[in-house]
Amino acid sequence: MDSSEFFKKYSDEASCKAYFKELKERKGLKCKRCEGTAMNWIESESRWRCRSCNQSMSIKTDTVMENSNLGYKKWMWCMYYMTLTKKGFSAMEMQRLLGHKRYAPIWLMMQKLRIVIGRRDAKYKLEELVEMDEAFLSGHRKK
């Protein structure tokens, strides 16, 4: 998907929220309290409620977005920008791109995303023949 398609598809808070909701449902819902899997979506609260114990769960629960007051659109767009290029963006640049007034929440969001990306990358190990372009490897040469 190119940038124009992405920004058209995820142009508002509702479309981003619907995407994250769909991802969570696809992964499978599980109650933190009783570990039940039968959940009802409560549209007015934007939460699932466990049928067994009545515990509620938001879309952000058990995700990198948990305990964040930033909207789904900011998270979605930040994820897109962070994976758009190898060079990356500073938190100040991301703040400007997202149109957010405060620096600290954007910095924290980017730190959380970097941790999650690092954990995912740690699962994959390069094996056999590895080709690199324009690489600089430091170290000591054997004599």
N, C-alpha and C. Protein backbone atom coordinates (compact mmCIF):
# COMPACT_ATOMS: atom_id res chain seq x y z
N MET A 1 0.85 -1.17 0.00
CA MET A 1 0.00 0.00 0.00
C MET A 1 0.90 1.23 0.00
N ASP A 2 0.65 2.14 -0.92
CA ASP A 2 1.45 3.36 -0.95
C ASP A 2 0.90 4.39 0.04
N SER A 3 1.63 5.47 0.22
CA SER A 3 1.29 6.47 1.23
C SER A 3 -0.09 7.08 1.02
N SER A 4 -0.43 7.40 -0.22
CA SER A 4 -1.74 8.03 -0.45
C SER A 4 -2.87 7.08 -0.09
N GLU A 5 -2.72 5.79 -0.40
CA GLU A 5 -3.73 4.81 -0.02
C GLU A 5 -3.83 4.67 1.49
N PHE A 6 -2.66 4.63 2.15
CA PHE A 6 -2.63 4.50 3.61
C PHE A 6 -3.36 5.67 4.27
N PHE A 7 -3.01 6.89 3.88
CA PHE A 7 -3.60 8.06 4.53
C PHE A 7 -5.08 8.22 4.18
N LYS A 8 -5.49 7.69 3.05
CA LYS A 8 -6.91 7.72 2.70
C LYS A 8 -7.68 6.69 3.53
N LYS A 9 -7.10 5.49 3.64
CA LYS A 9 -7.76 4.40 4.37
C LYS A 9 -7.83 4.69 5.87
N TYR A 10 -6.77 5.27 6.43
CA TYR A 10 -6.71 5.53 7.87
C TYR A 10 -6.70 7.04 8.14
N SER A 11 -7.67 7.72 7.59
CA SER A 11 -7.71 9.18 7.65
C SER A 11 -8.33 9.73 8.93
N ASP A 12 -9.02 8.89 9.68
CA ASP A 12 -9.67 9.38 10.89
C ASP A 12 -9.53 8.38 12.04
N GLU A 13 -9.91 8.83 13.20
CA GLU A 13 -9.79 8.02 14.42
C GLU A 13 -10.61 6.73 14.32
N ALA A 14 -11.81 6.83 13.75
CA ALA A 14 -12.71 5.66 13.67
C ALA A 14 -12.13 4.55 12.82
N SER A 15 -11.52 4.86 11.70
CA SER A 15 -10.97 3.82 10.83
C SER A 15 -9.76 3.15 11.48
N CYS A 16 -8.94 3.91 12.18
CA CYS A 16 -7.79 3.34 12.88
C CYS A 16 -8.24 2.46 14.04
N LYS A 17 -9.24 2.92 14.77
CA LYS A 17 -9.78 2.16 15.89
C LYS A 17 -10.38 0.84 15.39
N ALA A 18 -11.10 0.89 14.28
CA ALA A 18 -11.71 -0.31 13.71
C ALA A 18 -10.64 -1.32 13.30
N TYR A 19 -9.53 -0.83 12.76
CA TYR A 19 -8.44 -1.71 12.35
C TYR A 19 -7.82 -2.41 13.56
N PHE A 20 -7.52 -1.65 14.61
CA PHE A 20 -6.93 -2.25 15.81
C PHE A 20 -7.91 -3.22 16.48
N LYS A 21 -9.21 -2.90 16.45
CA LYS A 21 -10.23 -3.79 17.01
C LYS A 21 -10.25 -5.10 16.24
N GLU A 22 -10.20 -5.02 14.92
CA GLU A 22 -10.21 -6.22 14.08
C GLU A 22 -8.96 -7.08 14.34
N LEU A 23 -7.80 -6.44 14.48
CA LEU A 23 -6.57 -7.19 14.76
C LEU A 23 -6.69 -7.94 16.08
N LYS A 24 -7.21 -7.27 17.09
CA LYS A 24 -7.33 -7.88 18.42
C LYS A 24 -8.30 -9.06 18.38
N GLU A 25 -9.40 -8.90 17.66
CA GLU A 25 -10.37 -9.99 17.55
C GLU A 25 -9.79 -11.17 16.77
N ARG A 26 -9.02 -10.88 15.74
CA ARG A 26 -8.39 -11.93 14.94
C ARG A 26 -7.39 -12.73 15.77
N LYS A 27 -6.67 -12.02 16.65
CA LYS A 27 -5.68 -12.67 17.51
C LYS A 27 -6.36 -13.56 18.56
N GLY A 28 -7.55 -13.16 18.97
CA GLY A 28 -8.29 -13.91 19.97
C GLY A 28 -8.37 -13.14 21.28
N LEU A 29 -9.57 -13.06 21.81
CA LEU A 29 -9.80 -12.32 23.05
C LEU A 29 -9.77 -13.28 24.23
N LYS A 30 -9.16 -12.82 25.32
CA LYS A 30 -9.08 -13.65 26.52
C LYS A 30 -9.17 -12.74 27.74
N CYS A 31 -10.06 -13.05 28.64
CA CYS A 31 -10.26 -12.26 29.86
C CYS A 31 -9.03 -12.39 30.77
N LYS A 32 -8.59 -11.28 31.32
CA LYS A 32 -7.44 -11.30 32.23
C LYS A 32 -7.80 -11.93 33.57
N ARG A 33 -9.05 -11.78 33.99
CA ARG A 33 -9.46 -12.27 35.30
C ARG A 33 -9.76 -13.76 35.30
N CYS A 34 -10.66 -14.21 34.41
CA CYS A 34 -11.09 -15.61 34.44
C CYS A 34 -10.59 -16.43 33.25
N GLU A 35 -9.89 -15.78 32.33
CA GLU A 35 -9.35 -16.39 31.12
C GLU A 35 -10.43 -16.94 30.19
N GLY A 36 -11.65 -16.41 30.34
CA GLY A 36 -12.73 -16.79 29.43
C GLY A 36 -12.53 -16.15 28.07
N THR A 37 -13.08 -16.79 27.06
CA THR A 37 -12.92 -16.27 25.70
C THR A 37 -14.23 -15.73 25.11
N ALA A 38 -15.31 -15.86 25.85
CA ALA A 38 -16.60 -15.35 25.39
C ALA A 38 -16.73 -13.88 25.80
N MET A 39 -16.71 -13.02 24.79
CA MET A 39 -16.76 -11.57 25.05
C MET A 39 -17.85 -10.92 24.21
N ASN A 40 -18.43 -9.87 24.77
CA ASN A 40 -19.39 -9.04 24.04
C ASN A 40 -18.78 -7.67 23.81
N TRP A 41 -18.95 -7.15 22.61
CA TRP A 41 -18.48 -5.80 22.30
C TRP A 41 -19.55 -4.80 22.71
N ILE A 42 -19.18 -3.85 23.56
CA ILE A 42 -20.09 -2.79 24.01
C ILE A 42 -19.72 -1.52 23.23
N GLU A 43 -20.46 -1.21 22.21
CA GLU A 43 -20.14 -0.09 21.31
C GLU A 43 -20.09 1.24 22.04
N SER A 44 -21.03 1.47 22.95
CA SER A 44 -21.09 2.77 23.65
C SER A 44 -19.86 3.01 24.52
N GLU A 45 -19.22 1.95 25.00
CA GLU A 45 -18.03 2.06 25.85
C GLU A 45 -16.74 1.79 25.08
N SER A 46 -16.86 1.30 23.86
CA SER A 46 -15.71 0.88 23.05
C SER A 46 -14.85 -0.13 23.81
N ARG A 47 -15.51 -1.11 24.39
CA ARG A 47 -14.83 -2.14 25.18
C ARG A 47 -15.53 -3.47 25.00
N TRP A 48 -14.78 -4.54 25.28
CA TRP A 48 -15.38 -5.87 25.35
C TRP A 48 -15.69 -6.14 26.82
N ARG A 49 -16.71 -6.92 27.06
CA ARG A 49 -17.06 -7.33 28.41
C ARG A 49 -17.16 -8.86 28.43
N CYS A 50 -16.48 -9.45 29.41
CA CYS A 50 -16.47 -10.91 29.55
C CYS A 50 -17.86 -11.38 29.97
N ARG A 51 -18.34 -12.42 29.32
CA ARG A 51 -19.66 -12.96 29.65
C ARG A 51 -19.65 -13.71 30.98
N SER A 52 -18.50 -14.23 31.38
CA SER A 52 -18.41 -15.02 32.61
C SER A 52 -18.30 -14.15 33.85
N CYS A 53 -17.34 -13.22 33.86
CA CYS A 53 -17.07 -12.48 35.10
C CYS A 53 -17.35 -10.97 34.98
N ASN A 54 -17.77 -10.52 33.82
CA ASN A 54 -18.15 -9.12 33.60
C ASN A 54 -16.96 -8.16 33.58
N GLN A 55 -15.75 -8.68 33.52
CA GLN A 55 -14.55 -7.84 33.42
C GLN A 55 -14.53 -7.19 32.04
N SER A 56 -14.14 -5.90 31.99
CA SER A 56 -14.09 -5.23 30.69
C SER A 56 -12.65 -5.13 30.20
N MET A 57 -12.52 -4.98 28.88
CA MET A 57 -11.20 -4.92 28.26
C MET A 57 -11.29 -3.97 27.07
N SER A 58 -10.31 -3.07 26.97
CA SER A 58 -10.30 -2.12 25.86
C SER A 58 -9.48 -2.66 24.70
N ILE A 59 -9.49 -1.96 23.60
CA ILE A 59 -8.70 -2.34 22.43
C ILE A 59 -7.21 -2.25 22.76
N LYS A 60 -6.83 -1.31 23.60
CA LYS A 60 -5.42 -1.10 23.93
C LYS A 60 -4.87 -2.08 24.96
N THR A 61 -5.74 -2.82 25.65
CA THR A 61 -5.30 -3.77 26.67
C THR A 61 -4.35 -4.80 26.08
N ASP A 62 -3.26 -5.05 26.80
CA ASP A 62 -2.23 -6.03 26.39
C ASP A 62 -1.58 -5.69 25.05
N THR A 63 -1.48 -4.43 24.73
CA THR A 63 -0.77 -3.99 23.53
C THR A 63 0.24 -2.93 23.93
N VAL A 64 1.05 -2.51 23.00
CA VAL A 64 2.02 -1.45 23.24
C VAL A 64 1.31 -0.12 23.55
N MET A 65 0.05 -0.03 23.17
CA MET A 65 -0.73 1.20 23.38
C MET A 65 -1.36 1.29 24.77
N GLU A 66 -1.25 0.23 25.56
CA GLU A 66 -1.89 0.21 26.88
C GLU A 66 -1.42 1.38 27.74
N ASN A 67 -2.31 1.97 28.49
CA ASN A 67 -2.07 3.10 29.38
C ASN A 67 -1.67 4.39 28.65
N SER A 68 -1.95 4.47 27.37
CA SER A 68 -1.66 5.67 26.60
C SER A 68 -2.94 6.46 26.36
N ASN A 69 -2.84 7.77 26.48
CA ASN A 69 -3.98 8.63 26.19
C ASN A 69 -3.99 9.11 24.74
N LEU A 70 -2.95 8.76 23.99
CA LEU A 70 -2.90 9.14 22.59
C LEU A 70 -3.92 8.33 21.80
N GLY A 71 -4.49 8.95 20.79
CA GLY A 71 -5.52 8.30 19.99
C GLY A 71 -4.96 7.23 19.07
N TYR A 72 -5.88 6.44 18.54
CA TYR A 72 -5.50 5.35 17.64
C TYR A 72 -4.85 5.87 16.35
N LYS A 73 -5.32 6.99 15.87
CA LYS A 73 -4.76 7.57 14.64
C LYS A 73 -3.29 7.95 14.84
N LYS A 74 -2.97 8.54 15.97
CA LYS A 74 -1.57 8.92 16.23
C LYS A 74 -0.69 7.68 16.31
N TRP A 75 -1.18 6.62 16.95
CA TRP A 75 -0.43 5.37 17.03
C TRP A 75 -0.25 4.77 15.63
N MET A 76 -1.32 4.72 14.87
CA MET A 76 -1.26 4.12 13.53
C MET A 76 -0.29 4.88 12.64
N TRP A 77 -0.40 6.20 12.63
CA TRP A 77 0.45 7.01 11.77
C TRP A 77 1.91 6.95 12.23
N CYS A 78 2.14 6.92 13.54
CA CYS A 78 3.50 6.83 14.05
C CYS A 78 4.13 5.49 13.63
N MET A 79 3.38 4.41 13.74
CA MET A 79 3.88 3.10 13.31
C MET A 79 4.23 3.13 11.83
N TYR A 80 3.38 3.76 11.05
CA TYR A 80 3.61 3.84 9.61
C TYR A 80 4.89 4.63 9.32
N TYR A 81 5.00 5.80 9.93
CA TYR A 81 6.19 6.63 9.70
C TYR A 81 7.47 5.93 10.15
N MET A 82 7.41 5.24 11.30
CA MET A 82 8.61 4.59 11.83
C MET A 82 9.08 3.43 10.95
N THR A 83 8.16 2.82 10.22
CA THR A 83 8.53 1.70 9.36
C THR A 83 8.68 2.13 7.90
N LEU A 84 8.52 3.39 7.64
CA LEU A 84 8.55 3.92 6.28
C LEU A 84 9.97 3.98 5.71
N THR A 85 10.94 4.28 6.55
CA THR A 85 12.29 4.48 6.08
C THR A 85 13.30 3.85 7.02
N LYS A 86 14.48 3.55 6.52
CA LYS A 86 15.54 2.98 7.35
C LYS A 86 16.13 4.03 8.29
N LYS A 87 16.14 5.27 7.86
CA LYS A 87 16.80 6.33 8.61
C LYS A 87 16.05 6.72 9.88
N GLY A 88 14.75 6.62 9.88
CA GLY A 88 13.96 6.92 11.06
C GLY A 88 13.68 8.40 11.24
N PHE A 89 12.89 8.69 12.24
CA PHE A 89 12.49 10.06 12.56
C PHE A 89 12.83 10.34 14.01
N SER A 90 13.18 11.58 14.29
CA SER A 90 13.36 11.98 15.68
C SER A 90 11.98 12.18 16.29
N ALA A 91 11.91 12.21 17.61
CA ALA A 91 10.63 12.44 18.29
C ALA A 91 10.10 13.84 17.97
N MET A 92 11.01 14.80 17.80
CA MET A 92 10.61 16.16 17.46
C MET A 92 9.97 16.19 16.07
N GLU A 93 10.57 15.48 15.13
CA GLU A 93 10.01 15.41 13.78
C GLU A 93 8.68 14.67 13.78
N MET A 94 8.59 13.60 14.56
CA MET A 94 7.34 12.85 14.66
C MET A 94 6.24 13.72 15.26
N GLN A 95 6.59 14.49 16.27
CA GLN A 95 5.63 15.41 16.88
C GLN A 95 5.07 16.37 15.83
N ARG A 96 5.96 16.89 14.99
CA ARG A 96 5.54 17.81 13.93
C ARG A 96 4.66 17.09 12.91
N LEU A 97 5.06 15.88 12.50
CA LEU A 97 4.30 15.12 11.51
C LEU A 97 2.90 14.77 12.01
N LEU A 98 2.80 14.44 13.29
CA LEU A 98 1.51 14.05 13.86
C LEU A 98 0.67 15.25 14.31
N GLY A 99 1.29 16.41 14.34
CA GLY A 99 0.55 17.61 14.74
C GLY A 99 0.18 17.61 16.21
N HIS A 100 1.05 17.07 17.04
CA HIS A 100 0.77 17.00 18.48
C HIS A 100 1.46 18.15 19.19
N LYS A 101 0.83 18.70 20.22
CA LYS A 101 1.37 19.88 20.91
C LYS A 101 2.53 19.55 21.84
N ARG A 102 2.46 18.38 22.48
CA ARG A 102 3.46 18.04 23.49
C ARG A 102 4.47 17.01 22.99
N TYR A 103 5.71 17.20 23.36
CA TYR A 103 6.82 16.33 22.93
C TYR A 103 6.84 15.01 23.70
N ALA A 104 6.66 15.06 25.02
CA ALA A 104 6.86 13.89 25.89
C ALA A 104 6.01 12.68 25.51
N PRO A 105 4.70 12.82 25.23
CA PRO A 105 3.93 11.63 24.86
C PRO A 105 4.39 10.99 23.55
N ILE A 106 4.83 11.81 22.62
CA ILE A 106 5.31 11.30 21.34
C ILE A 106 6.64 10.56 21.54
N TRP A 107 7.52 11.13 22.35
CA TRP A 107 8.79 10.49 22.66
C TRP A 107 8.54 9.12 23.31
N LEU A 108 7.63 9.08 24.29
CA LEU A 108 7.33 7.82 25.00
C LEU A 108 6.73 6.80 24.04
N MET A 109 5.82 7.23 23.17
CA MET A 109 5.22 6.32 22.20
C MET A 109 6.29 5.71 21.31
N MET A 110 7.22 6.53 20.84
CA MET A 110 8.29 6.04 19.97
C MET A 110 9.21 5.07 20.72
N GLN A 111 9.49 5.35 21.99
CA GLN A 111 10.32 4.45 22.79
C GLN A 111 9.65 3.09 22.95
N LYS A 112 8.36 3.10 23.24
CA LYS A 112 7.61 1.84 23.39
C LYS A 112 7.63 1.05 22.08
N LEU A 113 7.44 1.74 20.96
CA LEU A 113 7.46 1.07 19.67
C LEU A 113 8.84 0.50 19.35
N ARG A 114 9.89 1.25 19.68
CA ARG A 114 11.25 0.75 19.44
C ARG A 114 11.54 -0.51 20.25
N ILE A 115 11.05 -0.56 21.48
CA ILE A 115 11.24 -1.75 22.33
C ILE A 115 10.53 -2.95 21.70
N VAL A 116 9.29 -2.75 21.27
CA VAL A 116 8.52 -3.83 20.66
C VAL A 116 9.18 -4.30 19.35
N ILE A 117 9.63 -3.36 18.55
CA ILE A 117 10.31 -3.71 17.30
C ILE A 117 11.60 -4.47 17.59
N GLY A 118 12.33 -4.04 18.61
CA GLY A 118 13.56 -4.73 19.01
C GLY A 118 13.30 -6.16 19.45
N ARG A 119 12.24 -6.36 20.21
CA ARG A 119 11.88 -7.72 20.66
C ARG A 119 11.54 -8.61 19.47
N ARG A 120 10.80 -8.05 18.53
CA ARG A 120 10.43 -8.82 17.35
C ARG A 120 11.67 -9.17 16.53
N ASP A 121 12.56 -8.20 16.34
CA ASP A 121 13.77 -8.43 15.56
C ASP A 121 14.69 -9.46 16.22
N ALA A 122 14.68 -9.51 17.55
CA ALA A 122 15.54 -10.45 18.28
C ALA A 122 15.14 -11.91 18.03
N LYS A 123 13.91 -12.14 17.59
CA LYS A 123 13.44 -13.50 17.32
C LYS A 123 14.05 -14.09 16.06
N TYR A 124 14.52 -13.23 15.17
CA TYR A 124 15.01 -13.68 13.88
C TYR A 124 16.53 -13.59 13.84
N LYS A 125 17.16 -14.67 13.46
CA LYS A 125 18.61 -14.72 13.36
C LYS A 125 18.99 -14.95 11.89
N LEU A 126 20.03 -14.24 11.44
CA LEU A 126 20.53 -14.44 10.09
C LEU A 126 21.31 -15.75 10.05
N GLU A 127 21.09 -16.53 8.99
CA GLU A 127 21.76 -17.80 8.85
C GLU A 127 22.31 -17.94 7.44
N GLU A 128 23.25 -18.86 7.29
CA GLU A 128 23.85 -19.18 6.01
C GLU A 128 24.48 -17.95 5.38
N LEU A 129 24.30 -17.76 4.09
CA LEU A 129 24.93 -16.67 3.35
C LEU A 129 24.14 -15.38 3.53
N VAL A 130 24.83 -14.32 3.97
CA VAL A 130 24.19 -13.02 4.17
C VAL A 130 24.89 -12.01 3.28
N GLU A 131 24.13 -11.31 2.44
CA GLU A 131 24.69 -10.28 1.57
C GLU A 131 24.33 -8.91 2.13
N MET A 132 25.31 -7.99 2.08
CA MET A 132 25.06 -6.63 2.56
C MET A 132 25.57 -5.63 1.53
N ASP A 133 24.90 -4.51 1.44
CA ASP A 133 25.35 -3.41 0.60
C ASP A 133 25.76 -2.26 1.50
N GLU A 134 26.85 -1.62 1.15
CA GLU A 134 27.32 -0.43 1.84
C GLU A 134 27.38 -0.61 3.35
N ALA A 135 28.06 -1.65 3.77
CA ALA A 135 28.18 -1.92 5.20
C ALA A 135 29.57 -1.56 5.70
N PHE A 136 29.63 -1.17 6.95
CA PHE A 136 30.93 -0.89 7.61
C PHE A 136 30.97 -1.76 8.84
N LEU A 137 31.92 -2.67 8.89
CA LEU A 137 32.08 -3.54 10.04
C LEU A 137 33.37 -3.20 10.73
N SER A 138 33.29 -2.92 12.01
CA SER A 138 34.50 -2.59 12.76
C SER A 138 34.99 -3.82 13.50
N GLY A 139 36.24 -3.82 13.83
CA GLY A 139 36.81 -4.94 14.55
C GLY A 139 38.31 -4.98 14.36
N HIS A 140 38.91 -6.00 14.86
CA HIS A 140 40.36 -6.15 14.75
C HIS A 140 40.70 -7.20 13.70
N ARG A 141 41.70 -6.93 12.94
CA ARG A 141 42.15 -7.84 11.90
C ARG A 141 43.22 -8.76 12.49
N LYS A 142 43.12 -10.04 12.21
CA LYS A 142 44.14 -11.00 12.67
C LYS A 142 45.39 -10.81 11.85
N LYS A 143 46.57 -10.90 12.51
CA LYS A 143 47.86 -10.73 11.81
C LYS A 143 48.46 -12.04 11.45
